[in-house]
Amino acid sequence: MKKFIYLFIFFFSLLNTHLIAKESIMILKLKYGNVEIELYSEKAPGHVKRFKELAEQGKYDNVVFHRVIDGFMAQTGDIKFGKVDGPDFNLDLAGTGGSDLPNLSAARSSDPNSANSQFFICFDSAPHLDRQYSAFGKVIKGMEFVDMIKKGDPNSGSVSEPDKIISIKTK
């Protein structure tokens, strides 16, 4: 069963698939181990460009998994309020911020115009997300480490003392 990463950004779809290029593999470093993510560079070039740009600038380093629902997903990527070593870190606001780059249709707060840098990794297939959000990559190695991320409240998913991304880098 494929594990998809969803970034709520406008979906650029191409039907051709090619061999995985080295620059299309990202390493998500967690305290539990490394996770390899294959990015869909040709199917979702806008998603991939934004994700890689923020990752290469270190923007995702030390960002918490602020919303984690067991059996569903782990959400992260709020580089404004979710970055533990950032000037604006505020766990109560994590999930409502983004980057200084123009907004996209990324994971967001309840404000539809707040989408920017957030993404989540599904623990299992999530067909109810199809045609609502776009997959811009998938976990190809290390899903067992994603499964270890501290889970949040069963209803809201909010996490007290959450795990964080150590870093995300191109392989």
N, C-alpha and C. Protein backbone atom coordinates (compact mmCIF):
# COMPACT_ATOMS: atom_id res chain seq x y z
N MET A 1 0.84 -1.17 0.00
CA MET A 1 0.00 0.00 0.00
C MET A 1 0.89 1.24 0.00
N LYS A 2 0.66 2.15 -0.89
CA LYS A 2 1.49 3.35 -1.01
C LYS A 2 1.18 4.34 0.10
N LYS A 3 2.20 5.01 0.58
CA LYS A 3 2.06 6.06 1.58
C LYS A 3 2.29 7.37 0.85
N PHE A 4 1.31 8.22 0.82
CA PHE A 4 1.41 9.46 0.07
C PHE A 4 1.63 10.65 0.98
N ILE A 5 2.37 11.59 0.49
CA ILE A 5 2.53 12.86 1.16
C ILE A 5 1.66 13.84 0.40
N TYR A 6 0.83 14.54 1.11
CA TYR A 6 -0.04 15.51 0.47
C TYR A 6 0.41 16.91 0.84
N LEU A 7 0.58 17.72 -0.12
CA LEU A 7 0.82 19.14 0.10
C LEU A 7 -0.31 19.80 -0.65
N PHE A 8 -1.10 20.61 0.04
CA PHE A 8 -2.29 21.16 -0.57
C PHE A 8 -1.91 22.33 -1.46
N ILE A 9 -1.34 22.02 -2.59
CA ILE A 9 -0.94 23.02 -3.56
C ILE A 9 -1.61 22.65 -4.88
N PHE A 10 -1.89 23.63 -5.71
CA PHE A 10 -2.52 23.38 -6.99
C PHE A 10 -1.79 22.25 -7.72
N PHE A 11 -2.52 21.27 -8.21
CA PHE A 11 -1.94 20.06 -8.79
C PHE A 11 -1.63 20.25 -10.27
N PHE A 12 -0.34 20.14 -10.61
CA PHE A 12 0.11 20.17 -11.99
C PHE A 12 0.28 18.72 -12.41
N SER A 13 -0.55 18.24 -13.30
CA SER A 13 -0.54 16.82 -13.63
C SER A 13 0.11 16.55 -14.99
N LEU A 14 1.04 15.63 -14.99
CA LEU A 14 1.62 15.09 -16.21
C LEU A 14 1.47 13.58 -16.14
N LEU A 15 1.22 12.94 -17.25
CA LEU A 15 0.94 11.51 -17.23
C LEU A 15 2.18 10.64 -17.39
N ASN A 16 3.27 11.19 -17.90
CA ASN A 16 4.47 10.39 -18.11
C ASN A 16 5.22 10.17 -16.81
N THR A 17 5.80 8.98 -16.67
CA THR A 17 6.67 8.71 -15.53
C THR A 17 8.04 8.33 -16.07
N HIS A 18 9.07 8.66 -15.32
CA HIS A 18 10.44 8.39 -15.71
C HIS A 18 11.18 7.80 -14.53
N LEU A 19 12.41 7.39 -14.75
CA LEU A 19 13.23 6.88 -13.66
C LEU A 19 13.42 7.97 -12.62
N ILE A 20 13.58 7.55 -11.40
CA ILE A 20 13.75 8.49 -10.30
C ILE A 20 15.12 9.13 -10.37
N ALA A 21 15.16 10.44 -10.51
CA ALA A 21 16.41 11.18 -10.52
C ALA A 21 16.84 11.42 -9.08
N LYS A 22 18.16 11.43 -8.88
CA LYS A 22 18.70 11.64 -7.53
C LYS A 22 18.14 12.91 -6.90
N GLU A 23 17.99 13.97 -7.68
CA GLU A 23 17.48 15.23 -7.12
C GLU A 23 15.99 15.16 -6.80
N SER A 24 15.34 14.05 -7.13
CA SER A 24 13.93 13.87 -6.81
C SER A 24 13.74 13.07 -5.52
N ILE A 25 14.84 12.76 -4.84
CA ILE A 25 14.77 12.04 -3.57
C ILE A 25 15.21 12.98 -2.47
N MET A 26 14.37 13.12 -1.46
CA MET A 26 14.69 13.94 -0.30
C MET A 26 14.83 13.02 0.91
N ILE A 27 15.71 13.41 1.83
CA ILE A 27 15.89 12.69 3.08
C ILE A 27 15.31 13.53 4.21
N LEU A 28 14.28 13.01 4.83
CA LEU A 28 13.65 13.63 5.99
C LEU A 28 14.26 12.96 7.22
N LYS A 29 15.02 13.72 7.97
CA LYS A 29 15.69 13.18 9.15
C LYS A 29 14.82 13.41 10.38
N LEU A 30 14.45 12.31 11.03
CA LEU A 30 13.69 12.34 12.28
C LEU A 30 14.57 11.76 13.38
N LYS A 31 14.20 11.95 14.63
CA LYS A 31 15.00 11.38 15.72
C LYS A 31 14.97 9.86 15.69
N TYR A 32 14.00 9.28 15.02
CA TYR A 32 13.86 7.83 14.96
C TYR A 32 14.67 7.21 13.82
N GLY A 33 14.99 8.01 12.79
CA GLY A 33 15.72 7.52 11.63
C GLY A 33 15.40 8.34 10.40
N ASN A 34 16.03 8.00 9.30
CA ASN A 34 15.86 8.74 8.04
C ASN A 34 14.73 8.16 7.20
N VAL A 35 14.00 9.08 6.58
CA VAL A 35 12.88 8.73 5.71
C VAL A 35 13.20 9.24 4.31
N GLU A 36 13.13 8.35 3.32
CA GLU A 36 13.37 8.77 1.93
C GLU A 36 12.03 9.06 1.27
N ILE A 37 11.98 10.23 0.63
CA ILE A 37 10.76 10.67 -0.05
C ILE A 37 11.07 10.87 -1.52
N GLU A 38 10.31 10.19 -2.36
CA GLU A 38 10.41 10.39 -3.81
C GLU A 38 9.45 11.51 -4.18
N LEU A 39 9.97 12.55 -4.79
CA LEU A 39 9.13 13.67 -5.22
C LEU A 39 8.65 13.46 -6.64
N TYR A 40 7.44 13.86 -6.91
CA TYR A 40 6.84 13.75 -8.24
C TYR A 40 7.14 15.01 -9.03
N SER A 41 8.39 15.17 -9.44
CA SER A 41 8.85 16.39 -10.11
C SER A 41 8.09 16.68 -11.40
N GLU A 42 7.73 15.65 -12.13
CA GLU A 42 7.04 15.88 -13.40
C GLU A 42 5.53 15.99 -13.24
N LYS A 43 4.98 15.32 -12.25
CA LYS A 43 3.53 15.36 -12.03
C LYS A 43 3.11 16.59 -11.25
N ALA A 44 3.99 17.07 -10.38
CA ALA A 44 3.64 18.21 -9.52
C ALA A 44 4.82 19.16 -9.40
N PRO A 45 5.24 19.77 -10.50
CA PRO A 45 6.45 20.61 -10.46
C PRO A 45 6.35 21.80 -9.52
N GLY A 46 5.18 22.40 -9.38
CA GLY A 46 5.02 23.53 -8.47
C GLY A 46 5.18 23.12 -7.02
N HIS A 47 4.59 21.99 -6.67
CA HIS A 47 4.72 21.46 -5.32
C HIS A 47 6.17 21.20 -4.99
N VAL A 48 6.81 20.47 -5.89
CA VAL A 48 8.19 20.04 -5.67
C VAL A 48 9.13 21.24 -5.58
N LYS A 49 8.94 22.20 -6.46
CA LYS A 49 9.81 23.39 -6.44
C LYS A 49 9.73 24.10 -5.09
N ARG A 50 8.52 24.33 -4.60
CA ARG A 50 8.35 25.02 -3.31
C ARG A 50 8.94 24.20 -2.17
N PHE A 51 8.63 22.91 -2.15
CA PHE A 51 9.11 22.03 -1.08
C PHE A 51 10.64 22.01 -1.04
N LYS A 52 11.26 21.83 -2.22
CA LYS A 52 12.72 21.79 -2.28
C LYS A 52 13.34 23.13 -1.92
N GLU A 53 12.74 24.21 -2.37
CA GLU A 53 13.26 25.55 -2.06
C GLU A 53 13.29 25.78 -0.56
N LEU A 54 12.20 25.48 0.12
CA LEU A 54 12.15 25.67 1.56
C LEU A 54 13.09 24.71 2.29
N ALA A 55 13.16 23.48 1.80
CA ALA A 55 14.05 22.49 2.42
C ALA A 55 15.51 22.90 2.27
N GLU A 56 15.89 23.32 1.07
CA GLU A 56 17.29 23.70 0.82
C GLU A 56 17.71 24.93 1.61
N GLN A 57 16.76 25.77 1.97
CA GLN A 57 17.05 26.95 2.79
C GLN A 57 17.04 26.62 4.29
N GLY A 58 16.76 25.35 4.64
CA GLY A 58 16.72 24.94 6.03
C GLY A 58 15.46 25.38 6.76
N LYS A 59 14.47 25.81 6.02
CA LYS A 59 13.24 26.33 6.64
C LYS A 59 12.46 25.26 7.40
N TYR A 60 12.55 24.00 6.96
CA TYR A 60 11.82 22.93 7.63
C TYR A 60 12.58 22.34 8.82
N ASP A 61 13.86 22.68 8.96
CA ASP A 61 14.65 22.15 10.07
C ASP A 61 14.06 22.63 11.39
N ASN A 62 13.87 21.69 12.31
CA ASN A 62 13.33 21.97 13.66
C ASN A 62 11.88 22.42 13.66
N VAL A 63 11.12 22.03 12.65
CA VAL A 63 9.68 22.33 12.61
C VAL A 63 8.92 21.13 13.17
N VAL A 64 7.98 21.41 14.07
CA VAL A 64 7.24 20.36 14.77
C VAL A 64 6.15 19.73 13.89
N PHE A 65 5.80 18.51 14.26
CA PHE A 65 4.62 17.83 13.73
C PHE A 65 3.48 18.24 14.67
N HIS A 66 2.80 19.33 14.31
CA HIS A 66 1.83 19.95 15.21
C HIS A 66 0.48 19.24 15.27
N ARG A 67 0.19 18.44 14.26
CA ARG A 67 -1.11 17.74 14.20
C ARG A 67 -0.85 16.34 13.70
N VAL A 68 -1.09 15.36 14.55
CA VAL A 68 -0.83 13.96 14.20
C VAL A 68 -2.01 13.12 14.66
N ILE A 69 -2.68 12.50 13.71
CA ILE A 69 -3.86 11.69 14.00
C ILE A 69 -3.52 10.24 13.70
N ASP A 70 -3.55 9.41 14.73
CA ASP A 70 -3.22 7.99 14.60
C ASP A 70 -4.07 7.34 13.51
N GLY A 71 -3.42 6.61 12.62
CA GLY A 71 -4.11 5.93 11.54
C GLY A 71 -4.42 6.81 10.34
N PHE A 72 -4.13 8.11 10.45
CA PHE A 72 -4.43 9.02 9.35
C PHE A 72 -3.18 9.73 8.85
N MET A 73 -2.67 10.74 9.59
CA MET A 73 -1.56 11.51 9.05
C MET A 73 -0.80 12.26 10.13
N ALA A 74 0.41 12.74 9.73
CA ALA A 74 1.25 13.60 10.55
C ALA A 74 1.47 14.89 9.77
N GLN A 75 1.01 16.01 10.31
CA GLN A 75 1.11 17.30 9.61
C GLN A 75 2.22 18.15 10.21
N THR A 76 2.96 18.83 9.34
CA THR A 76 4.08 19.67 9.72
C THR A 76 4.24 20.77 8.68
N GLY A 77 5.32 21.51 8.77
CA GLY A 77 5.64 22.48 7.74
C GLY A 77 5.30 23.92 8.03
N ASP A 78 4.77 24.21 9.23
CA ASP A 78 4.49 25.61 9.58
C ASP A 78 5.83 26.23 10.00
N ILE A 79 6.50 26.83 9.03
CA ILE A 79 7.85 27.34 9.29
C ILE A 79 7.84 28.68 10.04
N LYS A 80 6.68 29.26 10.21
CA LYS A 80 6.59 30.51 10.99
C LYS A 80 6.38 30.21 12.47
N PHE A 81 5.30 29.52 12.81
CA PHE A 81 4.97 29.28 14.21
C PHE A 81 5.40 27.91 14.72
N GLY A 82 5.79 27.02 13.83
CA GLY A 82 6.14 25.66 14.23
C GLY A 82 7.63 25.37 14.32
N LYS A 83 8.46 26.35 14.02
CA LYS A 83 9.92 26.17 14.04
C LYS A 83 10.42 26.47 15.45
N VAL A 84 10.82 25.41 16.18
CA VAL A 84 11.12 25.56 17.61
C VAL A 84 12.24 26.55 17.89
N ASP A 85 13.16 26.76 16.97
CA ASP A 85 14.24 27.71 17.19
C ASP A 85 14.01 29.02 16.43
N GLY A 86 12.79 29.22 15.96
CA GLY A 86 12.45 30.45 15.23
C GLY A 86 11.96 31.54 16.16
N PRO A 87 12.02 32.79 15.72
CA PRO A 87 11.61 33.91 16.57
C PRO A 87 10.12 33.95 16.87
N ASP A 88 9.31 33.31 16.03
CA ASP A 88 7.85 33.35 16.20
C ASP A 88 7.27 32.05 16.72
N PHE A 89 8.13 31.13 17.19
CA PHE A 89 7.61 29.82 17.64
C PHE A 89 6.50 30.00 18.66
N ASN A 90 5.38 29.32 18.39
CA ASN A 90 4.24 29.34 19.28
C ASN A 90 3.43 28.09 18.98
N LEU A 91 3.54 27.09 19.83
CA LEU A 91 2.86 25.82 19.58
C LEU A 91 1.35 25.99 19.46
N ASP A 92 0.79 26.95 20.17
CA ASP A 92 -0.66 27.19 20.07
C ASP A 92 -1.07 27.72 18.69
N LEU A 93 -0.13 28.37 17.99
CA LEU A 93 -0.42 28.90 16.65
C LEU A 93 0.09 28.00 15.53
N ALA A 94 0.89 26.99 15.89
CA ALA A 94 1.43 26.08 14.87
C ALA A 94 0.29 25.50 14.04
N GLY A 95 0.45 25.57 12.74
CA GLY A 95 -0.59 25.12 11.82
C GLY A 95 -1.33 26.28 11.19
N THR A 96 -1.02 27.49 11.61
CA THR A 96 -1.69 28.67 11.05
C THR A 96 -0.73 29.55 10.25
N GLY A 97 0.55 29.21 10.24
CA GLY A 97 1.54 30.05 9.56
C GLY A 97 2.10 29.41 8.32
N GLY A 98 3.06 30.11 7.72
CA GLY A 98 3.72 29.64 6.50
C GLY A 98 5.00 30.41 6.28
N SER A 99 5.42 30.49 5.04
CA SER A 99 6.65 31.20 4.69
C SER A 99 6.32 32.61 4.20
N ASP A 100 7.37 33.34 3.82
CA ASP A 100 7.19 34.68 3.24
C ASP A 100 6.93 34.61 1.75
N LEU A 101 6.94 33.42 1.18
CA LEU A 101 6.67 33.25 -0.25
C LEU A 101 5.18 33.38 -0.52
N PRO A 102 4.79 33.64 -1.76
CA PRO A 102 3.36 33.78 -2.07
C PRO A 102 2.58 32.53 -1.68
N ASN A 103 1.35 32.72 -1.23
CA ASN A 103 0.50 31.61 -0.83
C ASN A 103 0.16 30.73 -2.04
N LEU A 104 0.00 29.47 -1.74
CA LEU A 104 -0.44 28.46 -2.71
C LEU A 104 -1.67 27.82 -2.10
N SER A 105 -2.04 26.67 -2.60
CA SER A 105 -3.15 25.96 -1.95
C SER A 105 -2.57 24.80 -1.15
N ALA A 106 -1.67 25.12 -0.23
CA ALA A 106 -1.01 24.13 0.62
C ALA A 106 -1.84 23.88 1.88
N ALA A 107 -1.40 22.90 2.69
CA ALA A 107 -2.06 22.66 3.97
C ALA A 107 -2.14 23.99 4.70
N ARG A 108 -3.23 24.21 5.42
CA ARG A 108 -3.48 25.55 5.91
C ARG A 108 -4.30 25.52 7.18
N SER A 109 -4.53 26.71 7.71
CA SER A 109 -5.45 26.87 8.84
C SER A 109 -6.86 26.90 8.27
N SER A 110 -7.83 27.30 9.08
CA SER A 110 -9.21 27.39 8.59
C SER A 110 -9.39 28.51 7.58
N ASP A 111 -8.45 29.44 7.52
CA ASP A 111 -8.49 30.52 6.54
C ASP A 111 -8.02 29.98 5.19
N PRO A 112 -8.88 29.93 4.17
CA PRO A 112 -8.50 29.35 2.89
C PRO A 112 -7.36 30.10 2.20
N ASN A 113 -7.08 31.32 2.62
CA ASN A 113 -5.99 32.10 2.02
C ASN A 113 -4.70 32.03 2.82
N SER A 114 -4.57 31.02 3.68
CA SER A 114 -3.38 30.90 4.52
C SER A 114 -2.44 29.80 4.05
N ALA A 115 -2.74 29.17 2.94
CA ALA A 115 -1.96 28.02 2.47
C ALA A 115 -0.59 28.45 1.98
N ASN A 116 0.45 27.69 2.37
CA ASN A 116 1.78 28.12 2.00
C ASN A 116 2.84 27.03 2.03
N SER A 117 3.21 26.53 3.18
CA SER A 117 4.38 25.65 3.29
C SER A 117 4.09 24.31 3.95
N GLN A 118 2.92 24.12 4.50
CA GLN A 118 2.64 22.92 5.27
C GLN A 118 2.35 21.72 4.39
N PHE A 119 2.62 20.54 4.97
CA PHE A 119 2.36 19.28 4.28
C PHE A 119 2.10 18.21 5.32
N PHE A 120 1.59 17.07 4.88
CA PHE A 120 1.46 15.96 5.81
C PHE A 120 1.77 14.65 5.11
N ILE A 121 2.11 13.67 5.93
CA ILE A 121 2.41 12.32 5.48
C ILE A 121 1.31 11.42 6.01
N CYS A 122 0.66 10.71 5.12
CA CYS A 122 -0.40 9.79 5.54
C CYS A 122 0.20 8.49 6.05
N PHE A 123 -0.37 7.96 7.12
CA PHE A 123 0.07 6.68 7.68
C PHE A 123 -0.47 5.51 6.88
N ASP A 124 -1.55 5.73 6.16
CA ASP A 124 -2.20 4.69 5.38
C ASP A 124 -2.85 5.36 4.19
N SER A 125 -3.45 4.58 3.31
CA SER A 125 -4.12 5.19 2.17
C SER A 125 -5.27 6.06 2.68
N ALA A 126 -5.56 7.13 1.96
CA ALA A 126 -6.59 8.08 2.37
C ALA A 126 -7.40 8.48 1.13
N PRO A 127 -8.22 7.56 0.61
CA PRO A 127 -8.96 7.86 -0.62
C PRO A 127 -9.91 9.03 -0.49
N HIS A 128 -10.32 9.37 0.73
CA HIS A 128 -11.22 10.52 0.91
C HIS A 128 -10.53 11.84 0.58
N LEU A 129 -9.19 11.83 0.44
CA LEU A 129 -8.45 13.03 0.07
C LEU A 129 -8.31 13.19 -1.46
N ASP A 130 -8.56 12.10 -2.18
CA ASP A 130 -8.45 12.15 -3.64
C ASP A 130 -9.37 13.23 -4.20
N ARG A 131 -8.86 13.94 -5.17
CA ARG A 131 -9.55 15.02 -5.87
C ARG A 131 -9.80 16.25 -4.98
N GLN A 132 -9.29 16.20 -3.75
CA GLN A 132 -9.35 17.37 -2.87
C GLN A 132 -7.96 17.96 -2.68
N TYR A 133 -6.97 17.09 -2.62
CA TYR A 133 -5.59 17.49 -2.40
C TYR A 133 -4.72 16.72 -3.37
N SER A 134 -3.53 17.21 -3.59
CA SER A 134 -2.65 16.51 -4.53
C SER A 134 -1.46 15.91 -3.82
N ALA A 135 -1.07 14.75 -4.29
CA ALA A 135 0.13 14.09 -3.79
C ALA A 135 1.31 14.63 -4.58
N PHE A 136 2.35 15.07 -3.90
CA PHE A 136 3.54 15.55 -4.59
C PHE A 136 4.73 14.65 -4.35
N GLY A 137 4.53 13.57 -3.64
CA GLY A 137 5.60 12.61 -3.39
C GLY A 137 5.09 11.46 -2.56
N LYS A 138 6.00 10.51 -2.32
CA LYS A 138 5.64 9.37 -1.48
C LYS A 138 6.87 8.89 -0.72
N VAL A 139 6.61 8.29 0.42
CA VAL A 139 7.67 7.70 1.22
C VAL A 139 8.08 6.38 0.55
N ILE A 140 9.36 6.24 0.25
CA ILE A 140 9.84 5.00 -0.37
C ILE A 140 10.72 4.17 0.56
N LYS A 141 11.12 4.77 1.67
CA LYS A 141 11.94 4.05 2.64
C LYS A 141 11.84 4.76 3.99
N GLY A 142 11.71 3.98 5.06
CA GLY A 142 11.69 4.55 6.40
C GLY A 142 10.31 4.89 6.94
N MET A 143 9.27 4.32 6.36
CA MET A 143 7.92 4.61 6.86
C MET A 143 7.77 4.20 8.32
N GLU A 144 8.53 3.20 8.75
CA GLU A 144 8.46 2.77 10.14
C GLU A 144 8.85 3.91 11.10
N PHE A 145 9.69 4.85 10.63
CA PHE A 145 10.08 5.99 11.45
C PHE A 145 8.97 7.04 11.49
N VAL A 146 8.27 7.20 10.39
CA VAL A 146 7.12 8.11 10.36
C VAL A 146 6.04 7.57 11.31
N ASP A 147 5.85 6.26 11.32
CA ASP A 147 4.85 5.65 12.20
C ASP A 147 5.15 5.89 13.67
N MET A 148 6.41 6.20 14.01
CA MET A 148 6.81 6.42 15.41
C MET A 148 6.56 7.85 15.89
N ILE A 149 6.22 8.76 14.98
CA ILE A 149 5.98 10.16 15.37
C ILE A 149 4.89 10.20 16.43
N LYS A 150 5.13 11.01 17.46
CA LYS A 150 4.19 11.12 18.58
C LYS A 150 2.82 11.53 18.10
N LYS A 151 1.81 10.77 18.50
CA LYS A 151 0.43 11.02 18.10
C LYS A 151 -0.20 12.09 18.98
N GLY A 152 -1.19 12.76 18.41
CA GLY A 152 -1.88 13.82 19.12
C GLY A 152 -3.22 13.37 19.67
N ASP A 153 -4.00 14.34 20.10
CA ASP A 153 -5.34 14.10 20.60
C ASP A 153 -6.15 13.35 19.54
N PRO A 154 -6.89 12.31 19.93
CA PRO A 154 -7.64 11.52 18.94
C PRO A 154 -8.65 12.33 18.13
N ASN A 155 -9.17 13.42 18.68
CA ASN A 155 -10.16 14.23 17.97
C ASN A 155 -9.53 15.34 17.14
N SER A 156 -8.68 16.15 17.74
CA SER A 156 -8.10 17.31 17.04
C SER A 156 -6.76 17.01 16.39
N GLY A 157 -6.05 16.03 16.92
CA GLY A 157 -4.72 15.72 16.42
C GLY A 157 -3.64 16.59 17.01
N SER A 158 -4.00 17.62 17.81
CA SER A 158 -2.99 18.52 18.38
C SER A 158 -2.08 17.73 19.32
N VAL A 159 -0.79 18.08 19.25
CA VAL A 159 0.23 17.33 19.97
C VAL A 159 0.91 18.22 21.00
N SER A 160 0.96 17.75 22.24
CA SER A 160 1.75 18.46 23.24
C SER A 160 3.15 17.84 23.21
N GLU A 161 4.16 18.66 23.34
CA GLU A 161 5.55 18.22 23.24
C GLU A 161 5.77 17.37 21.99
N PRO A 162 5.52 17.96 20.82
CA PRO A 162 5.57 17.20 19.56
C PRO A 162 6.99 16.86 19.10
N ASP A 163 7.05 15.83 18.28
CA ASP A 163 8.30 15.51 17.58
C ASP A 163 8.52 16.58 16.52
N LYS A 164 9.74 16.63 15.99
CA LYS A 164 10.05 17.65 14.99
C LYS A 164 10.89 17.06 13.87
N ILE A 165 10.93 17.77 12.77
CA ILE A 165 11.83 17.46 11.67
C ILE A 165 13.22 17.91 12.11
N ILE A 166 14.21 17.05 11.97
CA ILE A 166 15.57 17.49 12.25
C ILE A 166 16.08 18.24 11.02
N SER A 167 15.90 17.64 9.84
CA SER A 167 16.26 18.31 8.60
C SER A 167 15.62 17.60 7.42
N ILE A 168 15.56 18.29 6.31
CA ILE A 168 15.17 17.71 5.02
C ILE A 168 16.20 18.18 4.01
N LYS A 169 16.81 17.24 3.33
CA LYS A 169 17.87 17.54 2.35
C LYS A 169 17.70 16.68 1.12
N THR A 170 18.24 17.16 0.00
CA THR A 170 18.28 16.34 -1.21
C THR A 170 19.27 15.20 -0.97
N LYS A 171 18.95 14.02 -1.46
CA LYS A 171 19.81 12.85 -1.27
C LYS A 171 21.17 13.05 -1.87
